């Protein structure tokens, strides 16, 4: 009789454990990648490449959902409040997880406590582009001269913290007078730069370079300390006379804090495998993105260092902390 009771209780325990969310097979339904910027942004382009390939590896559909606006606050809060079950993943950039901490006195989310790091996803240089019909300059020195001869007549767009700080840093280091126009996302700002409503942007290569290659924008320089393979023909801002100018944006994936470690592990493995596929690396490079993966712990350490770095950049750029 005792043995019978033991068998029954063990069987019941097995059923309960099997039904536990933490131990259920993952993933068993579609996953959503939430992006804090609009369609066509560098983060969006990366998320869509990743979604297609991660889907093949985990055997479930991966949907990309754009939640642009408010410097990434809207999307970041959504993920921070989401159920930590591994089905809502934040594919984001330094804007939400490093730059905002430097630019805003208070955030409606905690970039560290509210999220579980999964993997770094890549890096992307910024590119200084101008409207070729409005700006006659062909080089950075020519453009600086033009700006000094036309103070307060040039506007630059920014749909991300990187683009905003990028423009402000350029203004401070060159001693020129240009004004910022805020947008919900960089693609919207690029459209207005092409249209001539604004004249300049310093934004991610994935958003700016395709239009520069079509002749709709003129690319003058990149933001990296050394020339990049993504656009080897473009000089750096530093070598063009804007000494000390260096900015690189980056991408990473996070889950809500408390997400089961097994889900984090599975997603990390999928991202790492995808980002080390030579065909995908080449595809992303064409789009202006340098693929790079990491472990969750490496991402956490990288994010901490980058947050401190962006505090210094914001101070150098003279941007008022809001």
Protein backbone atom coordinates (compact mmCIF):
# COMPACT_ATOMS: atom_id res chain seq x y z
CA UNK A 1 0.00 0.00 0.00
CA UNK A 2 2.82 2.35 0.88
CA UNK A 3 4.51 1.61 -2.44
CA UNK A 4 1.23 2.31 -4.27
CA UNK A 5 0.88 5.71 -2.55
CA UNK A 6 4.50 6.53 -3.42
CA UNK A 7 3.92 5.68 -7.08
CA UNK A 8 0.75 7.82 -7.22
CA UNK A 9 2.38 10.83 -5.51
CA UNK A 10 5.44 10.55 -7.76
CA UNK A 11 3.24 10.42 -10.86
CA UNK A 12 1.29 13.49 -9.73
CA UNK A 13 4.53 15.38 -9.03
CA UNK A 14 5.74 14.45 -12.52
CA UNK A 15 2.59 15.86 -14.08
CA UNK A 16 2.90 19.11 -12.11
CA UNK A 17 6.55 19.54 -13.05
CA UNK A 18 5.84 18.74 -16.68
CA UNK A 19 3.26 21.51 -16.68
CA UNK A 20 5.65 24.04 -15.13
CA UNK A 21 6.36 26.98 -17.51
CA UNK A 22 10.04 26.94 -16.52
CA UNK A 23 10.39 23.33 -17.64
CA UNK A 24 8.12 23.36 -20.70
CA UNK A 25 9.78 22.85 -24.07
CA UNK A 26 11.03 26.16 -25.44
CA UNK A 27 10.04 27.56 -27.81
CA UNK A 28 6.61 26.06 -28.45
CA UNK A 29 5.00 29.10 -30.11
CA UNK A 30 6.02 32.19 -32.16
CA UNK A 31 8.58 34.65 -30.79
CA UNK A 32 8.34 38.42 -31.22
CA UNK A 33 11.37 40.65 -31.76
CA UNK A 34 10.44 44.16 -30.59
CA UNK A 35 12.44 46.95 -32.27
CA UNK A 36 12.46 50.49 -30.77
CA UNK A 37 12.73 52.20 -34.18
CA UNK A 38 10.70 52.34 -37.38
CA UNK A 39 10.86 50.14 -40.45
CA UNK A 40 13.97 50.78 -42.55
CA UNK A 41 16.17 51.72 -39.61
CA UNK A 42 19.47 49.90 -39.08
CA UNK A 43 18.04 48.07 -36.07
CA UNK A 44 14.98 47.03 -38.06
CA UNK A 45 17.06 45.72 -40.97
CA UNK A 46 19.21 43.68 -38.61
CA UNK A 47 16.18 42.34 -36.72
CA UNK A 48 14.58 41.08 -39.93
CA UNK A 49 17.72 39.23 -41.04
CA UNK A 50 18.02 37.69 -37.58
CA UNK A 51 14.33 36.81 -37.37
CA UNK A 52 14.44 34.82 -40.60
CA UNK A 53 17.49 32.82 -39.56
CA UNK A 54 16.73 32.37 -35.85
CA UNK A 55 13.31 31.07 -36.89
CA UNK A 56 14.94 28.27 -38.88
CA UNK A 57 17.10 27.29 -35.93
CA UNK A 58 14.47 27.24 -33.19
CA UNK A 59 11.67 25.85 -35.36
CA UNK A 60 9.21 28.64 -34.65
CA UNK A 61 8.05 31.77 -36.45
CA UNK A 62 9.82 34.95 -35.36
CA UNK A 63 7.85 38.16 -35.90
CA UNK A 64 9.38 41.66 -35.97
CA UNK A 65 7.31 44.38 -34.31
CA UNK A 66 8.33 48.05 -34.62
CA UNK A 67 7.58 50.28 -31.63
CA UNK A 68 9.32 53.54 -32.51
CA UNK A 69 9.30 56.87 -30.72
CA UNK A 70 10.37 58.62 -27.52
CA UNK A 71 14.06 57.67 -27.84
CA UNK A 72 13.16 54.01 -27.48
CA UNK A 73 11.23 54.52 -24.22
CA UNK A 74 8.00 53.00 -25.56
CA UNK A 75 9.53 49.71 -26.69
CA UNK A 76 11.88 49.44 -23.71
CA UNK A 77 9.00 49.81 -21.24
CA UNK A 78 6.96 47.22 -23.13
CA UNK A 79 9.73 44.64 -22.88
CA UNK A 80 10.50 45.51 -19.26
CA UNK A 81 6.87 44.81 -18.37
CA UNK A 82 6.45 41.74 -20.58
CA UNK A 83 6.04 38.27 -19.16
CA UNK A 84 9.56 36.81 -18.74
CA UNK A 85 8.90 33.65 -20.74
CA UNK A 86 11.28 34.14 -23.69
CA UNK A 87 8.63 35.09 -26.25
CA UNK A 88 9.19 38.86 -26.31
CA UNK A 89 12.77 39.77 -27.16
CA UNK A 90 14.20 43.29 -27.43
CA UNK A 91 16.39 43.76 -30.50
CA UNK A 92 17.76 47.20 -29.74
CA UNK A 93 20.77 49.51 -29.84
CA UNK A 94 22.98 51.59 -27.62
CA UNK A 95 20.23 54.24 -27.65
CA UNK A 96 18.08 52.39 -25.10
CA UNK A 97 20.84 50.61 -23.20
CA UNK A 98 23.70 53.12 -22.94
CA UNK A 99 23.10 56.49 -24.59
CA UNK A 100 19.78 57.25 -22.92
CA UNK A 101 21.36 56.77 -19.50
CA UNK A 102 23.79 59.54 -20.40
CA UNK A 103 21.24 61.87 -22.00
CA UNK A 104 18.35 61.66 -19.53
CA UNK A 105 18.39 62.28 -15.79
CA UNK A 106 15.65 59.71 -15.26
CA UNK A 107 14.44 56.83 -17.43
CA UNK A 108 11.03 55.09 -17.22
CA UNK A 109 12.89 51.76 -17.24
CA UNK A 110 16.15 50.42 -15.79
CA UNK A 111 18.53 49.35 -18.60
CA UNK A 112 20.22 46.87 -16.26
CA UNK A 113 17.68 45.60 -13.70
CA UNK A 114 14.73 45.29 -16.10
CA UNK A 115 16.52 43.18 -18.71
CA UNK A 116 18.36 39.89 -19.15
CA UNK A 117 21.25 40.17 -21.64
CA UNK A 118 21.26 37.60 -24.46
CA UNK A 119 23.91 38.58 -27.01
CA UNK A 120 25.58 41.50 -28.67
CA UNK A 121 24.48 41.58 -32.31
CA UNK A 122 26.80 43.96 -34.12
CA UNK A 123 28.31 47.39 -34.64
CA UNK A 124 27.53 50.13 -37.10
CA UNK A 125 29.40 53.32 -38.01
CA UNK A 126 27.59 56.60 -38.44
CA UNK A 127 27.89 58.51 -41.70
CA UNK A 128 27.80 62.27 -42.24
CA UNK A 129 25.46 62.88 -45.17
CA UNK A 130 24.14 66.10 -46.69
CA UNK A 131 21.50 67.02 -49.23
CA UNK A 132 23.48 67.41 -52.49
CA UNK A 133 21.09 70.04 -53.87
CA UNK A 134 21.18 72.24 -50.77
CA UNK A 135 24.83 71.81 -49.79
CA UNK A 136 27.53 72.41 -52.44
CA UNK A 137 30.37 71.00 -50.30
CA UNK A 138 32.16 67.84 -51.48
CA UNK A 139 34.47 67.38 -48.46
CA UNK A 140 34.24 67.88 -44.71
CA UNK A 141 36.61 70.91 -44.68
CA UNK A 142 34.50 72.53 -47.42
CA UNK A 143 31.37 71.79 -45.46
CA UNK A 144 32.75 73.32 -42.27
CA UNK A 145 33.63 76.48 -44.22
CA UNK A 146 30.11 76.52 -45.66
CA UNK A 147 28.57 76.21 -42.19
CA UNK A 148 30.69 79.04 -40.82
CA UNK A 149 29.63 81.25 -43.71
CA UNK A 150 25.98 80.30 -43.17
CA UNK A 151 25.44 80.13 -39.39
CA UNK A 152 22.07 78.88 -38.13
CA UNK A 153 20.87 78.09 -41.66
CA UNK A 154 21.50 74.33 -41.58
CA UNK A 155 19.34 71.80 -39.73
CA UNK A 156 20.26 68.22 -38.92
CA UNK A 157 17.79 65.44 -38.20
CA UNK A 158 17.93 62.81 -35.48
CA UNK A 159 15.66 59.85 -34.88
CA UNK A 160 17.90 58.18 -32.32
CA UNK A 161 20.11 59.25 -29.45
CA UNK A 162 23.20 58.33 -31.49
CA UNK A 163 22.14 60.60 -34.35
CA UNK A 164 21.34 63.43 -31.96
CA UNK A 165 24.60 63.24 -30.07
CA UNK A 166 26.48 62.65 -33.33
CA UNK A 167 25.26 65.95 -34.71
CA UNK A 168 25.83 67.83 -31.47
CA UNK A 169 29.37 66.49 -31.15
CA UNK A 170 30.13 67.62 -34.71
CA UNK A 171 28.78 71.07 -33.90
CA UNK A 172 30.92 71.43 -30.77
CA UNK A 173 34.15 70.09 -32.31
CA UNK A 174 33.84 72.27 -35.44
CA UNK A 175 32.58 75.42 -33.74
CA UNK A 176 29.64 75.65 -36.14
CA UNK A 177 26.02 76.65 -35.59
CA UNK A 178 23.52 74.02 -36.69
CA UNK A 179 20.15 73.14 -35.17
CA UNK A 180 18.58 69.77 -34.42
CA UNK A 181 15.16 68.56 -35.55
CA UNK A 182 13.84 65.52 -33.64
CA UNK A 183 12.15 62.62 -35.43
CA UNK A 184 10.57 59.38 -34.19
CA UNK A 185 13.05 57.34 -36.22
CA UNK A 186 16.07 57.90 -38.47
CA UNK A 187 14.36 56.75 -41.70
CA UNK A 188 11.87 59.60 -41.35
CA UNK A 189 14.71 62.08 -40.91
CA UNK A 190 16.51 60.65 -43.93
CA UNK A 191 13.40 61.14 -46.07
CA UNK A 192 13.35 64.82 -45.10
CA UNK A 193 17.09 65.14 -45.75
CA UNK A 194 16.56 63.79 -49.26
CA UNK A 195 13.60 66.15 -49.69
CA UNK A 196 15.58 69.17 -48.50
CA UNK A 197 13.44 70.00 -45.45
CA UNK A 198 16.64 69.47 -43.44
CA UNK A 199 20.14 69.47 -44.86
CA UNK A 200 22.27 67.09 -42.83
CA UNK A 201 22.39 63.92 -40.76
CA UNK A 202 25.00 61.91 -38.92
CA UNK A 203 23.26 58.56 -38.66
CA UNK A 204 23.78 54.83 -39.02
CA UNK A 205 25.28 53.53 -42.24
CA UNK A 206 22.39 51.12 -42.86
CA UNK A 207 19.98 54.04 -43.14
CA UNK A 208 22.20 56.58 -44.92
CA UNK A 209 24.58 54.72 -47.27
CA UNK A 210 22.00 53.16 -49.60
CA UNK A 211 20.64 56.61 -50.48
CA UNK A 212 24.14 58.02 -50.80
CA UNK A 213 24.98 55.26 -53.27
CA UNK A 214 21.90 56.23 -55.28
CA UNK A 215 23.04 59.84 -55.36
CA UNK A 216 20.09 61.09 -53.32
CA UNK A 217 22.43 62.04 -50.48
CA UNK A 218 26.13 62.93 -50.45
CA UNK A 219 28.25 61.03 -47.94
CA UNK A 220 31.22 63.02 -46.65
CA UNK A 221 32.76 60.92 -43.86
CA UNK A 222 32.33 58.13 -41.33
CA UNK A 223 32.36 58.39 -37.55
CA UNK A 224 34.84 55.61 -36.77
CA UNK A 225 38.44 56.21 -35.66
CA UNK A 226 39.72 54.28 -38.70
CA UNK A 227 38.23 53.74 -42.15
CA UNK A 228 35.69 50.95 -42.26
CA UNK A 229 35.32 48.08 -44.72
CA UNK A 230 31.65 49.00 -45.00
CA UNK A 231 32.60 52.20 -46.87
CA UNK A 232 36.38 52.10 -47.49
CA UNK A 233 36.25 55.07 -49.86
CA UNK A 234 34.96 57.43 -47.18
CA UNK A 235 37.44 59.25 -44.91
CA UNK A 236 36.87 59.46 -41.17
CA UNK A 237 35.73 62.70 -39.60
CA UNK A 238 38.93 62.69 -37.55
CA UNK A 239 41.20 62.49 -40.60
CA UNK A 240 39.03 65.13 -42.28
CA UNK A 241 39.97 67.66 -39.62
CA UNK A 242 37.37 67.04 -36.89
CA UNK A 243 39.99 65.85 -34.43
CA UNK A 244 38.83 63.53 -31.67
CA UNK A 245 35.57 62.63 -33.36
CA UNK A 246 34.69 58.96 -32.84
CA UNK A 247 31.31 57.31 -32.45
CA UNK A 248 30.16 53.76 -33.12
CA UNK A 249 26.62 52.54 -32.56
CA UNK A 250 25.89 48.94 -31.60
CA UNK A 251 23.07 46.43 -31.41
CA UNK A 252 22.15 43.82 -28.82
CA UNK A 253 19.35 41.48 -27.78
CA UNK A 254 17.71 41.41 -24.35
CA UNK A 255 14.82 39.58 -22.70
CA UNK A 256 12.73 40.75 -19.72
CA UNK A 257 14.49 40.22 -16.39
CA UNK A 258 13.62 36.82 -14.91
CA UNK A 259 13.46 34.99 -18.23
CA UNK A 260 14.44 31.31 -17.69
CA UNK A 261 18.13 30.61 -18.27
CA UNK A 262 17.31 27.79 -20.68
CA UNK A 263 15.45 30.20 -22.98
CA UNK A 264 18.36 32.67 -22.80
CA UNK A 265 20.78 29.87 -23.66
CA UNK A 266 18.75 28.68 -26.66
CA UNK A 267 18.38 32.21 -28.01
CA UNK A 268 22.04 33.00 -27.46
CA UNK A 269 23.08 29.89 -29.38
CA UNK A 270 20.74 30.84 -32.24
CA UNK A 271 22.12 34.40 -32.42
CA UNK A 272 25.74 33.26 -32.22
CA UNK A 273 25.28 30.67 -34.97
CA UNK A 274 23.47 33.18 -37.19
CA UNK A 275 26.01 35.96 -36.71
CA UNK A 276 28.92 33.64 -37.51
CA UNK A 277 27.43 32.42 -40.79
CA UNK A 278 29.69 33.85 -43.56
CA UNK A 279 26.74 34.46 -45.90
CA UNK A 280 24.85 36.40 -43.23
CA UNK A 281 27.97 38.35 -42.24
CA UNK A 282 28.40 39.41 -45.88
CA UNK A 283 24.71 40.27 -46.23
CA UNK A 284 24.82 42.50 -43.15
CA UNK A 285 28.06 44.14 -44.24
CA UNK A 286 26.42 45.18 -47.51
CA UNK A 287 23.72 46.80 -45.39
CA UNK A 288 26.33 48.67 -43.34
CA UNK A 289 26.32 46.42 -40.27
CA UNK A 290 29.31 44.60 -38.77
CA UNK A 291 28.04 41.34 -37.26
CA UNK A 292 29.29 40.43 -33.77
CA UNK A 293 27.95 38.04 -31.14
CA UNK A 294 28.76 37.52 -27.45
CA UNK A 295 27.80 35.62 -24.34
CA UNK A 296 25.19 37.18 -22.00
CA UNK A 297 27.92 38.00 -19.45
CA UNK A 298 30.10 39.64 -22.11
CA UNK A 299 27.17 41.79 -23.20
CA UNK A 300 26.50 42.88 -19.61
CA UNK A 301 30.14 43.95 -19.15
CA UNK A 302 30.18 45.66 -22.55
CA UNK A 303 26.97 47.57 -21.78
CA UNK A 304 28.42 48.83 -18.48
CA UNK A 305 31.58 50.11 -20.18
CA UNK A 306 29.60 51.68 -23.02
CA UNK A 307 27.28 53.53 -20.64
CA UNK A 308 30.29 55.17 -19.00
CA UNK A 309 31.70 55.99 -22.45
CA UNK A 310 28.47 57.65 -23.59
CA UNK A 311 28.42 59.82 -20.47
CA UNK A 312 31.79 61.18 -21.62
CA UNK A 313 30.53 61.67 -25.20
CA UNK A 314 27.45 63.57 -24.03
CA UNK A 315 29.63 65.81 -21.85
CA UNK A 316 32.04 66.46 -24.76
CA UNK A 317 29.14 67.19 -27.11
CA UNK A 318 27.79 69.79 -24.70
CA UNK A 319 24.31 68.26 -24.84
CA UNK A 320 22.06 69.28 -21.98
CA UNK A 321 21.02 66.28 -19.89
CA UNK A 322 17.22 66.22 -19.85
